[in-house]
């Protein structure tokens, strides 16, 4: 009986581990000398006037071209791409003079005198491989918060900063080898 339980637990842990690794494209693109990425479409579902699709595309291109460990190339022709990305911007929130996160009395006093900006963006990402039906990777409600406690960011700069943080995190989570379990 104990043997059956032990075997079941081992099989269950292997299933969970293999599922965690499927949600990453490192196994597919890890040996590529460069990954050619095509941003197929960006859809704004947020109904937020601050969301700018062209700025999102520009920041996306800058982020992937400035990655160091894995070389990404932004391509403008879908036929040249190794990975095709579709984006839906679900929501964006930007706040000036946001409340700081408190960790101690000293942090409270230091934060109280500094200008604060906070941006949050929620995005759905789908990655497709050329010639394949359906996405090979889907991240729904991919969220990042960008806080700048000492720098006041307004308008486009705040949105661009939040997008940059989101795209950087997406690229890391989707294409880089994950060392955590």
N, C-alpha and C. Protein backbone atom coordinates (compact mmCIF):
# COMPACT_ATOMS: atom_id res chain seq x y z
N UNK A 1 0.82 -1.20 0.00
CA UNK A 1 0.00 0.00 0.00
C UNK A 1 0.87 1.27 0.00
N UNK A 2 1.88 1.28 0.84
CA UNK A 2 2.78 2.43 0.91
C UNK A 2 3.52 2.59 -0.41
N UNK A 3 3.86 1.48 -1.03
CA UNK A 3 4.56 1.53 -2.32
C UNK A 3 3.69 2.18 -3.39
N UNK A 4 2.39 1.86 -3.41
CA UNK A 4 1.48 2.45 -4.39
C UNK A 4 1.33 3.95 -4.17
N UNK A 5 1.24 4.36 -2.92
CA UNK A 5 1.12 5.79 -2.60
C UNK A 5 2.38 6.52 -3.01
N UNK A 6 3.53 5.94 -2.74
CA UNK A 6 4.81 6.55 -3.10
C UNK A 6 4.94 6.70 -4.62
N UNK A 7 4.58 5.66 -5.36
CA UNK A 7 4.64 5.71 -6.82
C UNK A 7 3.67 6.77 -7.35
N UNK A 8 2.48 6.84 -6.78
CA UNK A 8 1.50 7.86 -7.19
C UNK A 8 2.03 9.27 -6.95
N UNK A 9 2.65 9.50 -5.79
CA UNK A 9 3.22 10.81 -5.49
C UNK A 9 4.35 11.17 -6.46
N UNK A 10 5.18 10.22 -6.79
CA UNK A 10 6.28 10.48 -7.73
C UNK A 10 5.72 10.82 -9.11
N UNK A 11 4.75 10.06 -9.58
CA UNK A 11 4.15 10.34 -10.88
C UNK A 11 3.45 11.70 -10.89
N UNK A 12 2.79 12.01 -9.80
CA UNK A 12 2.13 13.31 -9.70
C UNK A 12 3.14 14.45 -9.74
N UNK A 13 4.25 14.31 -9.04
CA UNK A 13 5.26 15.38 -9.04
C UNK A 13 5.90 15.52 -10.42
N UNK A 14 6.10 14.42 -11.12
CA UNK A 14 6.63 14.50 -12.49
C UNK A 14 5.65 15.18 -13.42
N UNK A 15 4.38 14.91 -13.27
CA UNK A 15 3.36 15.55 -14.11
C UNK A 15 3.31 17.05 -13.86
N UNK A 16 3.38 17.46 -12.62
CA UNK A 16 3.36 18.89 -12.29
C UNK A 16 4.60 19.58 -12.82
N UNK A 17 5.77 18.96 -12.68
CA UNK A 17 7.01 19.55 -13.16
C UNK A 17 6.99 19.68 -14.68
N UNK A 18 6.54 18.66 -15.39
CA UNK A 18 6.51 18.75 -16.85
C UNK A 18 5.50 19.79 -17.31
N UNK A 19 4.39 19.95 -16.61
CA UNK A 19 3.41 20.97 -16.98
C UNK A 19 4.00 22.37 -16.78
N UNK A 20 4.76 22.57 -15.73
CA UNK A 20 5.36 23.88 -15.47
C UNK A 20 6.34 24.25 -16.57
N UNK A 21 7.00 23.29 -17.14
CA UNK A 21 7.98 23.59 -18.18
C UNK A 21 7.35 23.80 -19.55
N UNK A 22 6.13 23.33 -19.76
CA UNK A 22 5.47 23.50 -21.04
C UNK A 22 5.16 24.98 -21.28
N UNK A 23 4.93 25.73 -20.23
CA UNK A 23 4.53 27.14 -20.35
C UNK A 23 5.73 28.04 -20.65
N UNK A 24 6.71 27.51 -21.36
CA UNK A 24 7.90 28.27 -21.71
C UNK A 24 8.40 27.77 -23.05
N UNK A 25 8.97 28.66 -23.84
CA UNK A 25 9.43 28.30 -25.19
C UNK A 25 10.93 28.05 -25.29
N UNK A 26 11.60 27.99 -24.16
CA UNK A 26 13.05 27.78 -24.19
C UNK A 26 13.41 26.46 -24.88
N UNK A 27 12.64 25.42 -24.62
CA UNK A 27 12.91 24.12 -25.23
C UNK A 27 12.79 24.18 -26.76
N UNK A 28 11.98 25.08 -27.27
CA UNK A 28 11.76 25.19 -28.71
C UNK A 28 12.81 26.08 -29.38
N UNK A 29 13.15 27.21 -28.73
CA UNK A 29 14.01 28.21 -29.36
C UNK A 29 15.40 28.31 -28.72
N UNK A 30 15.69 27.50 -27.74
CA UNK A 30 16.94 27.61 -27.00
C UNK A 30 18.19 27.48 -27.85
N UNK A 31 18.13 26.70 -28.94
CA UNK A 31 19.30 26.48 -29.79
C UNK A 31 19.38 27.43 -30.98
N UNK A 32 18.42 28.32 -31.12
CA UNK A 32 18.44 29.27 -32.24
C UNK A 32 19.52 30.31 -32.00
N UNK A 33 20.33 30.64 -33.02
CA UNK A 33 21.32 31.71 -32.84
C UNK A 33 20.65 33.07 -32.67
N UNK A 34 19.49 33.23 -33.27
CA UNK A 34 18.67 34.43 -33.09
C UNK A 34 17.22 34.03 -33.32
N UNK A 35 16.34 34.72 -32.61
CA UNK A 35 14.91 34.44 -32.74
C UNK A 35 14.26 35.62 -33.44
N UNK A 36 13.69 35.35 -34.59
CA UNK A 36 13.01 36.41 -35.35
C UNK A 36 11.57 36.49 -34.88
N UNK A 37 11.18 37.68 -34.40
CA UNK A 37 9.87 37.88 -33.81
C UNK A 37 9.07 38.87 -34.65
N UNK A 38 7.83 38.49 -34.91
CA UNK A 38 6.91 39.35 -35.65
C UNK A 38 5.73 39.67 -34.74
N UNK A 39 5.47 40.93 -34.54
CA UNK A 39 4.32 41.37 -33.75
C UNK A 39 3.15 41.53 -34.70
N UNK A 40 2.26 40.52 -34.70
CA UNK A 40 1.20 40.47 -35.70
C UNK A 40 0.13 41.53 -35.46
N UNK A 41 -0.40 41.57 -34.25
CA UNK A 41 -1.40 42.59 -33.99
C UNK A 41 -1.46 42.89 -32.50
N UNK A 42 -1.83 44.12 -32.23
CA UNK A 42 -2.03 44.59 -30.86
C UNK A 42 -3.45 45.13 -30.79
N UNK A 43 -4.24 44.56 -29.92
CA UNK A 43 -5.65 44.96 -29.77
C UNK A 43 -5.82 45.63 -28.41
N UNK A 44 -6.50 46.76 -28.41
CA UNK A 44 -6.77 47.48 -27.17
C UNK A 44 -8.19 47.16 -26.71
N UNK A 45 -8.30 46.37 -25.65
CA UNK A 45 -9.61 46.07 -25.07
C UNK A 45 -9.84 46.84 -23.78
N UNK A 46 -8.95 47.74 -23.46
CA UNK A 46 -8.99 48.43 -22.17
C UNK A 46 -9.96 49.61 -22.13
N UNK A 47 -10.27 50.18 -23.27
CA UNK A 47 -11.09 51.40 -23.34
C UNK A 47 -10.48 52.53 -22.52
N UNK A 48 -9.16 52.56 -22.49
CA UNK A 48 -8.43 53.59 -21.76
C UNK A 48 -7.79 54.52 -22.78
N UNK A 49 -8.04 55.81 -22.66
CA UNK A 49 -7.53 56.78 -23.64
C UNK A 49 -6.00 56.89 -23.60
N UNK A 50 -5.37 56.46 -22.50
CA UNK A 50 -3.91 56.54 -22.39
C UNK A 50 -3.19 55.41 -23.12
N UNK A 51 -3.91 54.37 -23.50
CA UNK A 51 -3.29 53.23 -24.19
C UNK A 51 -3.05 53.61 -25.65
N UNK A 52 -1.80 53.52 -26.06
CA UNK A 52 -1.41 53.84 -27.43
C UNK A 52 -0.79 52.61 -28.08
N UNK A 53 -1.46 52.10 -29.07
CA UNK A 53 -1.00 50.88 -29.75
C UNK A 53 0.35 51.10 -30.41
N UNK A 54 0.53 52.23 -31.09
CA UNK A 54 1.81 52.49 -31.77
C UNK A 54 2.97 52.57 -30.78
N UNK A 55 2.73 53.17 -29.64
CA UNK A 55 3.77 53.24 -28.61
C UNK A 55 4.07 51.85 -28.05
N UNK A 56 3.05 51.01 -27.87
CA UNK A 56 3.27 49.64 -27.43
C UNK A 56 4.16 48.91 -28.43
N UNK A 57 3.86 49.04 -29.72
CA UNK A 57 4.65 48.38 -30.75
C UNK A 57 6.10 48.87 -30.74
N UNK A 58 6.28 50.16 -30.59
CA UNK A 58 7.62 50.74 -30.55
C UNK A 58 8.41 50.22 -29.36
N UNK A 59 7.79 50.20 -28.19
CA UNK A 59 8.47 49.72 -26.98
C UNK A 59 8.76 48.23 -27.11
N UNK A 60 7.82 47.45 -27.65
CA UNK A 60 8.02 46.02 -27.86
C UNK A 60 9.26 45.78 -28.72
N UNK A 61 9.35 46.51 -29.81
CA UNK A 61 10.50 46.37 -30.72
C UNK A 61 11.80 46.72 -30.00
N UNK A 62 11.82 47.83 -29.26
CA UNK A 62 13.03 48.24 -28.53
C UNK A 62 13.45 47.19 -27.51
N UNK A 63 12.48 46.66 -26.79
CA UNK A 63 12.80 45.69 -25.73
C UNK A 63 13.42 44.44 -26.32
N UNK A 64 12.81 43.87 -27.36
CA UNK A 64 13.37 42.61 -27.88
C UNK A 64 14.72 42.83 -28.56
N UNK A 65 14.92 43.97 -29.17
CA UNK A 65 16.21 44.22 -29.82
C UNK A 65 17.32 44.52 -28.82
N UNK A 66 16.98 44.91 -27.59
CA UNK A 66 18.00 45.23 -26.59
C UNK A 66 18.27 44.10 -25.62
N UNK A 67 17.71 42.93 -25.84
CA UNK A 67 18.00 41.79 -24.98
C UNK A 67 19.43 41.32 -25.24
N UNK A 68 20.10 40.86 -24.19
CA UNK A 68 21.52 40.52 -24.32
C UNK A 68 21.79 39.02 -24.48
N UNK A 69 21.24 38.19 -23.60
CA UNK A 69 21.60 36.77 -23.60
C UNK A 69 21.10 36.03 -24.83
N UNK A 70 19.88 36.26 -25.19
CA UNK A 70 19.32 35.65 -26.40
C UNK A 70 19.13 36.78 -27.40
N UNK A 71 19.58 36.55 -28.62
CA UNK A 71 19.46 37.60 -29.64
C UNK A 71 18.09 37.49 -30.31
N UNK A 72 17.35 38.58 -30.22
CA UNK A 72 16.06 38.67 -30.89
C UNK A 72 16.18 39.66 -32.04
N UNK A 73 15.48 39.37 -33.12
CA UNK A 73 15.43 40.26 -34.27
C UNK A 73 13.96 40.55 -34.56
N UNK A 74 13.62 41.81 -34.58
CA UNK A 74 12.25 42.21 -34.90
C UNK A 74 12.12 42.23 -36.41
N UNK A 75 11.17 41.45 -36.94
CA UNK A 75 10.98 41.40 -38.40
C UNK A 75 9.61 42.00 -38.74
N UNK A 76 9.54 42.58 -39.93
CA UNK A 76 8.30 43.21 -40.37
C UNK A 76 7.52 42.34 -41.35
N UNK A 77 8.08 41.18 -41.68
CA UNK A 77 7.42 40.25 -42.58
C UNK A 77 7.11 38.96 -41.83
N UNK A 78 5.86 38.60 -41.79
CA UNK A 78 5.42 37.41 -41.05
C UNK A 78 6.09 36.13 -41.54
N UNK A 79 6.40 36.06 -42.82
CA UNK A 79 7.01 34.85 -43.39
C UNK A 79 8.44 34.62 -42.91
N UNK A 80 9.11 35.67 -42.45
CA UNK A 80 10.49 35.54 -41.96
C UNK A 80 10.55 35.14 -40.48
N UNK A 81 9.43 35.19 -39.79
CA UNK A 81 9.41 35.05 -38.33
C UNK A 81 9.56 33.61 -37.86
N UNK A 82 10.24 33.46 -36.71
CA UNK A 82 10.29 32.19 -35.99
C UNK A 82 9.16 32.14 -34.96
N UNK A 83 8.77 33.31 -34.48
CA UNK A 83 7.69 33.42 -33.48
C UNK A 83 6.80 34.61 -33.85
N UNK A 84 5.51 34.38 -33.82
CA UNK A 84 4.53 35.42 -34.13
C UNK A 84 3.77 35.72 -32.84
N UNK A 85 3.74 36.99 -32.46
CA UNK A 85 3.12 37.38 -31.19
C UNK A 85 1.87 38.20 -31.45
N UNK A 86 0.81 37.85 -30.74
CA UNK A 86 -0.44 38.62 -30.75
C UNK A 86 -0.67 39.13 -29.34
N UNK A 87 -1.13 40.37 -29.25
CA UNK A 87 -1.28 41.03 -27.95
C UNK A 87 -2.67 41.62 -27.81
N UNK A 88 -3.26 41.43 -26.63
CA UNK A 88 -4.50 42.11 -26.27
C UNK A 88 -4.23 42.86 -24.97
N UNK A 89 -4.36 44.16 -25.02
CA UNK A 89 -4.18 44.97 -23.82
C UNK A 89 -5.52 44.99 -23.10
N UNK A 90 -5.57 44.37 -21.94
CA UNK A 90 -6.82 44.24 -21.19
C UNK A 90 -7.11 45.47 -20.34
N UNK A 91 -6.08 45.98 -19.66
CA UNK A 91 -6.29 47.17 -18.84
C UNK A 91 -4.96 47.87 -18.58
N UNK A 92 -5.08 49.14 -18.31
CA UNK A 92 -3.92 49.95 -17.96
C UNK A 92 -4.37 50.97 -16.93
N UNK A 93 -3.57 51.11 -15.89
CA UNK A 93 -3.87 52.10 -14.86
C UNK A 93 -2.57 52.82 -14.53
N UNK A 94 -2.64 54.12 -14.48
CA UNK A 94 -1.47 54.91 -14.11
C UNK A 94 -1.88 55.92 -13.05
N UNK A 95 -1.10 56.00 -12.01
CA UNK A 95 -1.42 56.89 -10.90
C UNK A 95 -0.21 57.74 -10.55
N UNK A 96 -0.42 59.03 -10.51
CA UNK A 96 0.61 59.92 -9.97
C UNK A 96 0.33 60.05 -8.48
N UNK A 97 1.37 60.30 -7.72
CA UNK A 97 1.26 60.42 -6.27
C UNK A 97 0.60 59.19 -5.66
N UNK A 98 1.04 58.02 -6.10
CA UNK A 98 0.51 56.76 -5.57
C UNK A 98 1.00 56.55 -4.15
N UNK A 99 0.22 55.82 -3.37
CA UNK A 99 0.64 55.51 -2.02
C UNK A 99 1.80 54.52 -2.06
N UNK A 100 2.83 54.74 -1.25
CA UNK A 100 3.96 53.82 -1.25
C UNK A 100 3.62 52.53 -0.52
N UNK A 101 4.42 51.51 -0.77
CA UNK A 101 4.27 50.28 0.00
C UNK A 101 5.13 50.42 1.25
N UNK A 102 4.56 50.17 2.39
CA UNK A 102 5.26 50.40 3.65
C UNK A 102 5.92 49.13 4.15
N UNK A 103 7.20 49.20 4.46
CA UNK A 103 7.88 48.06 5.04
C UNK A 103 8.43 48.38 6.42
N UNK A 104 8.62 49.64 6.70
CA UNK A 104 9.11 50.04 8.03
C UNK A 104 8.78 51.51 8.24
N UNK A 105 9.02 51.97 9.43
CA UNK A 105 8.78 53.38 9.75
C UNK A 105 9.70 54.28 8.94
N UNK A 106 10.96 53.86 8.79
CA UNK A 106 11.91 54.64 8.00
C UNK A 106 11.44 54.75 6.55
N UNK A 107 10.97 53.64 5.99
CA UNK A 107 10.48 53.65 4.60
C UNK A 107 9.27 54.56 4.46
N UNK A 108 8.44 54.56 5.48
CA UNK A 108 7.27 55.42 5.46
C UNK A 108 7.68 56.90 5.42
N UNK A 109 8.63 57.29 6.24
CA UNK A 109 9.09 58.68 6.28
C UNK A 109 9.81 59.04 4.99
N UNK A 110 10.69 58.16 4.51
CA UNK A 110 11.44 58.44 3.28
C UNK A 110 10.50 58.53 2.08
N UNK A 111 9.52 57.66 2.03
CA UNK A 111 8.58 57.65 0.92
C UNK A 111 7.61 58.82 0.96
N UNK A 112 7.31 59.30 2.14
CA UNK A 112 6.33 60.38 2.28
C UNK A 112 6.79 61.67 1.63
N UNK A 113 8.08 61.89 1.51
CA UNK A 113 8.59 63.13 0.95
C UNK A 113 8.92 63.05 -0.53
N UNK A 114 8.84 61.86 -1.11
CA UNK A 114 9.24 61.68 -2.50
C UNK A 114 8.02 61.61 -3.41
N UNK A 115 8.13 62.15 -4.63
CA UNK A 115 7.03 61.98 -5.58
C UNK A 115 6.94 60.51 -6.00
N UNK A 116 5.75 60.06 -6.30
CA UNK A 116 5.55 58.67 -6.64
C UNK A 116 4.72 58.54 -7.91
N UNK A 117 5.06 57.56 -8.69
CA UNK A 117 4.26 57.22 -9.86
C UNK A 117 4.10 55.71 -9.88
N UNK A 118 2.95 55.24 -10.30
CA UNK A 118 2.70 53.81 -10.34
C UNK A 118 1.89 53.49 -11.58
N UNK A 119 2.33 52.49 -12.32
CA UNK A 119 1.61 52.07 -13.51
C UNK A 119 1.39 50.57 -13.47
N UNK A 120 0.24 50.14 -13.93
CA UNK A 120 -0.08 48.72 -13.98
C UNK A 120 -0.69 48.43 -15.33
N UNK A 121 -0.25 47.35 -15.95
CA UNK A 121 -0.80 46.97 -17.24
C UNK A 121 -1.07 45.46 -17.23
N UNK A 122 -2.21 45.09 -17.81
CA UNK A 122 -2.61 43.69 -17.90
C UNK A 122 -2.75 43.35 -19.38
N UNK A 123 -2.04 42.32 -19.81
CA UNK A 123 -1.96 41.99 -21.23
C UNK A 123 -2.14 40.49 -21.43
N UNK A 124 -2.81 40.10 -22.50
CA UNK A 124 -2.86 38.70 -22.95
C UNK A 124 -1.86 38.56 -24.08
N UNK A 125 -0.97 37.57 -23.98
CA UNK A 125 0.00 37.29 -25.04
C UNK A 125 -0.30 35.92 -25.63
N UNK A 126 -0.23 35.82 -26.95
CA UNK A 126 -0.30 34.54 -27.64
C UNK A 126 0.89 34.47 -28.59
N UNK A 127 1.60 33.35 -28.55
CA UNK A 127 2.74 33.15 -29.44
C UNK A 127 2.41 32.01 -30.38
N UNK A 128 2.60 32.25 -31.65
CA UNK A 128 2.33 31.26 -32.70
C UNK A 128 3.63 30.92 -33.42
N UNK A 129 3.71 29.70 -33.90
CA UNK A 129 4.81 29.28 -34.75
C UNK A 129 4.31 29.28 -36.18
N UNK A 130 5.13 29.74 -37.12
CA UNK A 130 4.69 29.75 -38.53
C UNK A 130 4.29 28.34 -38.99
N UNK A 131 3.16 28.25 -39.65
CA UNK A 131 2.71 26.97 -40.17
C UNK A 131 1.99 26.09 -39.16
N UNK A 132 1.87 26.51 -37.94
CA UNK A 132 1.17 25.72 -36.91
C UNK A 132 -0.21 26.32 -36.66
N UNK A 133 -1.17 25.46 -36.45
CA UNK A 133 -2.51 25.92 -36.09
C UNK A 133 -2.56 26.14 -34.59
N UNK A 134 -3.09 27.25 -34.18
CA UNK A 134 -3.25 27.53 -32.76
C UNK A 134 -1.97 28.01 -32.12
N UNK A 135 -2.10 28.65 -30.98
CA UNK A 135 -0.93 29.20 -30.29
C UNK A 135 -0.07 28.11 -29.65
N UNK A 136 1.23 28.36 -29.59
CA UNK A 136 2.13 27.43 -28.91
C UNK A 136 2.37 27.88 -27.46
N UNK A 137 1.98 29.11 -27.16
CA UNK A 137 2.09 29.61 -25.79
C UNK A 137 1.04 30.69 -25.58
N UNK A 138 0.35 30.63 -24.45
CA UNK A 138 -0.66 31.63 -24.12
C UNK A 138 -0.43 32.08 -22.68
N UNK A 139 -0.31 33.39 -22.50
CA UNK A 139 -0.29 33.99 -21.16
C UNK A 139 -1.49 34.92 -21.09
N UNK A 140 -2.44 34.58 -20.21
CA UNK A 140 -3.61 35.42 -20.03
C UNK A 140 -3.44 36.26 -18.78
N UNK A 141 -3.93 37.49 -18.85
CA UNK A 141 -3.86 38.43 -17.72
C UNK A 141 -2.44 38.56 -17.18
N UNK A 142 -1.49 38.71 -18.07
CA UNK A 142 -0.08 38.87 -17.70
C UNK A 142 0.07 40.29 -17.15
N UNK A 143 0.35 40.39 -15.88
CA UNK A 143 0.29 41.67 -15.17
C UNK A 143 1.66 42.07 -14.63
N UNK A 144 1.97 43.34 -14.79
CA UNK A 144 3.15 43.90 -14.12
C UNK A 144 2.77 45.25 -13.55
N UNK A 145 3.41 45.56 -12.44
CA UNK A 145 3.27 46.88 -11.83
C UNK A 145 4.60 47.57 -11.91
N UNK A 146 4.60 48.80 -12.31
CA UNK A 146 5.83 49.58 -12.42
C UNK A 146 5.73 50.75 -11.46
N UNK A 147 6.55 50.73 -10.44
CA UNK A 147 6.54 51.81 -9.45
C UNK A 147 7.84 52.58 -9.55
N UNK A 148 7.74 53.87 -9.57
CA UNK A 148 8.91 54.74 -9.57
C UNK A 148 8.78 55.69 -8.38
N UNK A 149 9.24 55.29 -7.21
CA UNK A 149 8.99 56.09 -6.02
C UNK A 149 9.70 57.44 -5.99
N UNK A 150 10.78 57.61 -6.67
CA UNK A 150 11.52 58.86 -6.58
C UNK A 150 11.41 59.72 -7.85
N UNK A 151 10.77 59.19 -8.85
CA UNK A 151 10.70 59.91 -10.13
C UNK A 151 9.24 60.10 -10.51
N UNK A 152 8.88 61.30 -10.84
CA UNK A 152 7.52 61.59 -11.29
C UNK A 152 7.45 61.33 -12.79
N UNK A 153 6.62 60.39 -13.17
CA UNK A 153 6.44 60.07 -14.58
C UNK A 153 5.01 60.41 -14.94
N UNK A 154 4.84 61.07 -16.07
CA UNK A 154 3.49 61.44 -16.48
C UNK A 154 3.25 61.05 -17.93
N UNK A 155 1.99 60.95 -18.30
CA UNK A 155 1.59 60.75 -19.70
C UNK A 155 2.20 59.55 -20.37
N UNK A 156 2.72 59.77 -21.59
CA UNK A 156 3.30 58.69 -22.40
C UNK A 156 4.46 58.00 -21.71
N UNK A 157 5.23 58.75 -20.95
CA UNK A 157 6.39 58.14 -20.28
C UNK A 157 5.96 57.09 -19.27
N UNK A 158 4.88 57.36 -18.55
CA UNK A 158 4.37 56.39 -17.59
C UNK A 158 3.85 55.14 -18.27
N UNK A 159 3.11 55.31 -19.35
CA UNK A 159 2.60 54.17 -20.11
C UNK A 159 3.75 53.37 -20.71
N UNK A 160 4.71 54.07 -21.32
CA UNK A 160 5.86 53.39 -21.93
C UNK A 160 6.66 52.62 -20.89
N UNK A 161 6.81 53.19 -19.70
CA UNK A 161 7.56 52.52 -18.64
C UNK A 161 6.83 51.23 -18.21
N UNK A 162 5.50 51.30 -18.06
CA UNK A 162 4.73 50.11 -17.68
C UNK A 162 4.80 49.05 -18.78
N UNK A 163 4.69 49.46 -20.03
CA UNK A 163 4.79 48.52 -21.16
C UNK A 163 6.17 47.87 -21.19
N UNK A 164 7.21 48.66 -21.01
CA UNK A 164 8.58 48.14 -21.03
C UNK A 164 8.76 47.05 -19.98
N UNK A 165 8.27 47.31 -18.78
CA UNK A 165 8.37 46.32 -17.70
C UNK A 165 7.60 45.05 -18.07
N UNK A 166 6.41 45.21 -18.64
CA UNK A 166 5.57 44.08 -18.99
C UNK A 166 6.20 43.24 -20.10
N UNK A 167 6.67 43.88 -21.14
CA UNK A 167 7.26 43.16 -22.26
C UNK A 167 8.56 42.47 -21.83
N UNK A 168 9.38 43.14 -21.04
CA UNK A 168 10.61 42.51 -20.53
C UNK A 168 10.29 41.25 -19.75
N UNK A 169 9.30 41.33 -18.88
CA UNK A 169 8.93 40.16 -18.07
C UNK A 169 8.37 39.05 -18.96
N UNK A 170 7.56 39.42 -19.95
CA UNK A 170 7.01 38.42 -20.87
C UNK A 170 8.12 37.71 -21.64
N UNK A 171 9.07 38.48 -22.19
CA UNK A 171 10.16 37.88 -22.96
C UNK A 171 10.97 36.93 -22.07
N UNK A 172 11.25 37.36 -20.85
CA UNK A 172 12.01 36.52 -19.93
C UNK A 172 11.25 35.23 -19.60
N UNK A 173 9.99 35.36 -19.25
CA UNK A 173 9.19 34.19 -18.85
C UNK A 173 8.96 33.25 -20.04
N UNK A 174 8.80 33.79 -21.23
CA UNK A 174 8.44 32.98 -22.39
C UNK A 174 9.64 32.32 -23.06
N UNK A 175 10.78 33.00 -23.14
CA UNK A 175 11.87 32.50 -23.98
C UNK A 175 13.14 32.09 -23.23
N UNK A 176 13.29 32.48 -21.99
CA UNK A 176 14.52 32.17 -21.26
C UNK A 176 14.33 30.92 -20.42
N UNK A 177 15.44 30.21 -20.21
CA UNK A 177 15.40 29.02 -19.35
C UNK A 177 15.06 29.45 -17.94
N UNK A 178 14.04 28.81 -17.39
CA UNK A 178 13.62 29.15 -16.04
C UNK A 178 14.32 28.22 -15.06
N UNK A 179 14.98 28.79 -14.09
CA UNK A 179 15.74 27.99 -13.15
C UNK A 179 14.98 27.70 -11.88
N UNK A 180 13.83 28.32 -11.74
CA UNK A 180 13.03 28.05 -10.54
C UNK A 180 11.96 27.03 -10.88
N UNK A 181 11.57 26.29 -9.92
CA UNK A 181 10.52 25.25 -10.11
C UNK A 181 9.23 25.74 -9.54
